[in-house]
Amino acid sequence: MRLYASMLIVKITVLLRFILYESLLHLYIKVLAAKDQEMRVRLFRE
């Protein structure tokens, strides 16, 4: 029973870490896209 509980904890922590990394990755992509758009707008204006 204890072994099953530890396995469950490991699975939960891995899942949470995966979710965290996914959200951080999405945020990073959004920031990069926003900066890219900003640069395009500047180039277009000049």
N, C-alpha and C. Protein backbone atom coordinates (compact mmCIF):
# COMPACT_ATOMS: atom_id res chain seq x y z
N MET A 1 0.82 -1.20 0.00
CA MET A 1 0.00 0.00 0.00
C MET A 1 0.87 1.26 0.00
N ARG A 2 1.93 1.22 0.82
CA ARG A 2 2.81 2.38 0.90
C ARG A 2 3.50 2.64 -0.45
N LEU A 3 3.88 1.54 -1.11
CA LEU A 3 4.54 1.63 -2.41
C LEU A 3 3.59 2.30 -3.42
N TYR A 4 2.33 1.91 -3.38
CA TYR A 4 1.33 2.48 -4.29
C TYR A 4 1.18 3.98 -4.04
N ALA A 5 1.18 4.36 -2.76
CA ALA A 5 1.04 5.78 -2.40
C ALA A 5 2.22 6.58 -2.93
N SER A 6 3.43 6.06 -2.77
CA SER A 6 4.61 6.78 -3.24
C SER A 6 4.59 6.90 -4.77
N MET A 7 4.16 5.86 -5.45
CA MET A 7 4.04 5.90 -6.90
C MET A 7 3.05 6.98 -7.32
N LEU A 8 1.95 7.07 -6.59
CA LEU A 8 0.92 8.06 -6.88
C LEU A 8 1.47 9.46 -6.70
N ILE A 9 2.23 9.68 -5.61
CA ILE A 9 2.84 11.00 -5.34
C ILE A 9 3.79 11.37 -6.47
N VAL A 10 4.60 10.41 -6.90
CA VAL A 10 5.54 10.65 -8.00
C VAL A 10 4.78 11.04 -9.27
N LYS A 11 3.73 10.31 -9.56
CA LYS A 11 2.92 10.62 -10.76
C LYS A 11 2.33 12.02 -10.68
N ILE A 12 1.80 12.38 -9.51
CA ILE A 12 1.21 13.71 -9.34
C ILE A 12 2.25 14.81 -9.51
N THR A 13 3.44 14.63 -8.90
CA THR A 13 4.47 15.66 -9.02
C THR A 13 4.94 15.80 -10.47
N VAL A 14 5.10 14.68 -11.16
CA VAL A 14 5.49 14.72 -12.57
C VAL A 14 4.43 15.45 -13.40
N LEU A 15 3.18 15.14 -13.13
CA LEU A 15 2.07 15.78 -13.85
C LEU A 15 2.04 17.28 -13.60
N LEU A 16 2.20 17.68 -12.34
CA LEU A 16 2.20 19.11 -11.99
C LEU A 16 3.37 19.82 -12.66
N ARG A 17 4.54 19.19 -12.64
CA ARG A 17 5.72 19.79 -13.28
C ARG A 17 5.48 19.94 -14.77
N PHE A 18 4.89 18.93 -15.40
CA PHE A 18 4.59 18.97 -16.82
C PHE A 18 3.65 20.13 -17.14
N ILE A 19 2.59 20.28 -16.32
CA ILE A 19 1.62 21.36 -16.51
C ILE A 19 2.32 22.72 -16.36
N LEU A 20 3.18 22.83 -15.35
CA LEU A 20 3.91 24.07 -15.11
C LEU A 20 4.78 24.42 -16.31
N TYR A 21 5.55 23.45 -16.80
CA TYR A 21 6.41 23.68 -17.96
C TYR A 21 5.59 24.06 -19.19
N GLU A 22 4.45 23.40 -19.39
CA GLU A 22 3.58 23.70 -20.53
C GLU A 22 3.12 25.16 -20.48
N SER A 23 2.65 25.59 -19.30
CA SER A 23 2.14 26.96 -19.16
C SER A 23 3.27 27.97 -19.35
N LEU A 24 4.46 27.67 -18.82
CA LEU A 24 5.60 28.57 -18.99
C LEU A 24 5.99 28.66 -20.46
N LEU A 25 5.95 27.54 -21.15
CA LEU A 25 6.28 27.51 -22.57
C LEU A 25 5.29 28.35 -23.38
N HIS A 26 3.99 28.21 -23.07
CA HIS A 26 2.98 29.00 -23.76
C HIS A 26 3.20 30.49 -23.52
N LEU A 27 3.51 30.85 -22.27
CA LEU A 27 3.76 32.25 -21.91
C LEU A 27 4.95 32.78 -22.69
N TYR A 28 6.03 32.00 -22.75
CA TYR A 28 7.24 32.38 -23.47
C TYR A 28 6.95 32.60 -24.96
N ILE A 29 6.18 31.70 -25.55
CA ILE A 29 5.81 31.83 -26.96
C ILE A 29 4.98 33.10 -27.20
N LYS A 30 4.04 33.38 -26.28
CA LYS A 30 3.22 34.60 -26.39
C LYS A 30 4.09 35.84 -26.36
N VAL A 31 5.04 35.87 -25.42
CA VAL A 31 5.96 37.02 -25.29
C VAL A 31 6.79 37.18 -26.56
N LEU A 32 7.33 36.08 -27.06
CA LEU A 32 8.12 36.13 -28.29
C LEU A 32 7.28 36.62 -29.47
N ALA A 33 6.06 36.14 -29.58
CA ALA A 33 5.17 36.56 -30.66
C ALA A 33 4.86 38.05 -30.56
N ALA A 34 4.62 38.53 -29.35
CA ALA A 34 4.33 39.95 -29.14
C ALA A 34 5.53 40.81 -29.53
N LYS A 35 6.72 40.39 -29.13
CA LYS A 35 7.94 41.14 -29.47
C LYS A 35 8.17 41.13 -30.97
N ASP A 36 7.94 40.00 -31.60
CA ASP A 36 8.11 39.86 -33.04
C ASP A 36 7.16 40.81 -33.78
N GLN A 37 5.92 40.87 -33.30
CA GLN A 37 4.92 41.75 -33.91
C GLN A 37 5.33 43.21 -33.73
N GLU A 38 5.84 43.54 -32.53
CA GLU A 38 6.28 44.89 -32.24
C GLU A 38 7.40 45.31 -33.20
N MET A 39 8.36 44.41 -33.42
CA MET A 39 9.46 44.69 -34.33
C MET A 39 8.95 44.89 -35.75
N ARG A 40 8.00 44.09 -36.16
CA ARG A 40 7.42 44.24 -37.51
C ARG A 40 6.73 45.57 -37.66
N VAL A 41 5.99 45.96 -36.63
CA VAL A 41 5.29 47.25 -36.66
C VAL A 41 6.30 48.39 -36.78
N ARG A 42 7.39 48.34 -36.03
CA ARG A 42 8.43 49.37 -36.09
C ARG A 42 9.05 49.44 -37.48
N LEU A 43 9.35 48.26 -38.04
CA LEU A 43 9.95 48.22 -39.38
C LEU A 43 8.97 48.77 -40.42
N PHE A 44 7.71 48.44 -40.25
CA PHE A 44 6.69 48.90 -41.19
C PHE A 44 6.52 50.42 -41.14
N ARG A 45 6.62 50.99 -39.95
CA ARG A 45 6.46 52.44 -39.78
C ARG A 45 7.61 53.21 -40.40
N GLU A 46 8.83 52.67 -40.29
CA GLU A 46 10.01 53.40 -40.78
C GLU A 46 10.12 53.43 -42.30
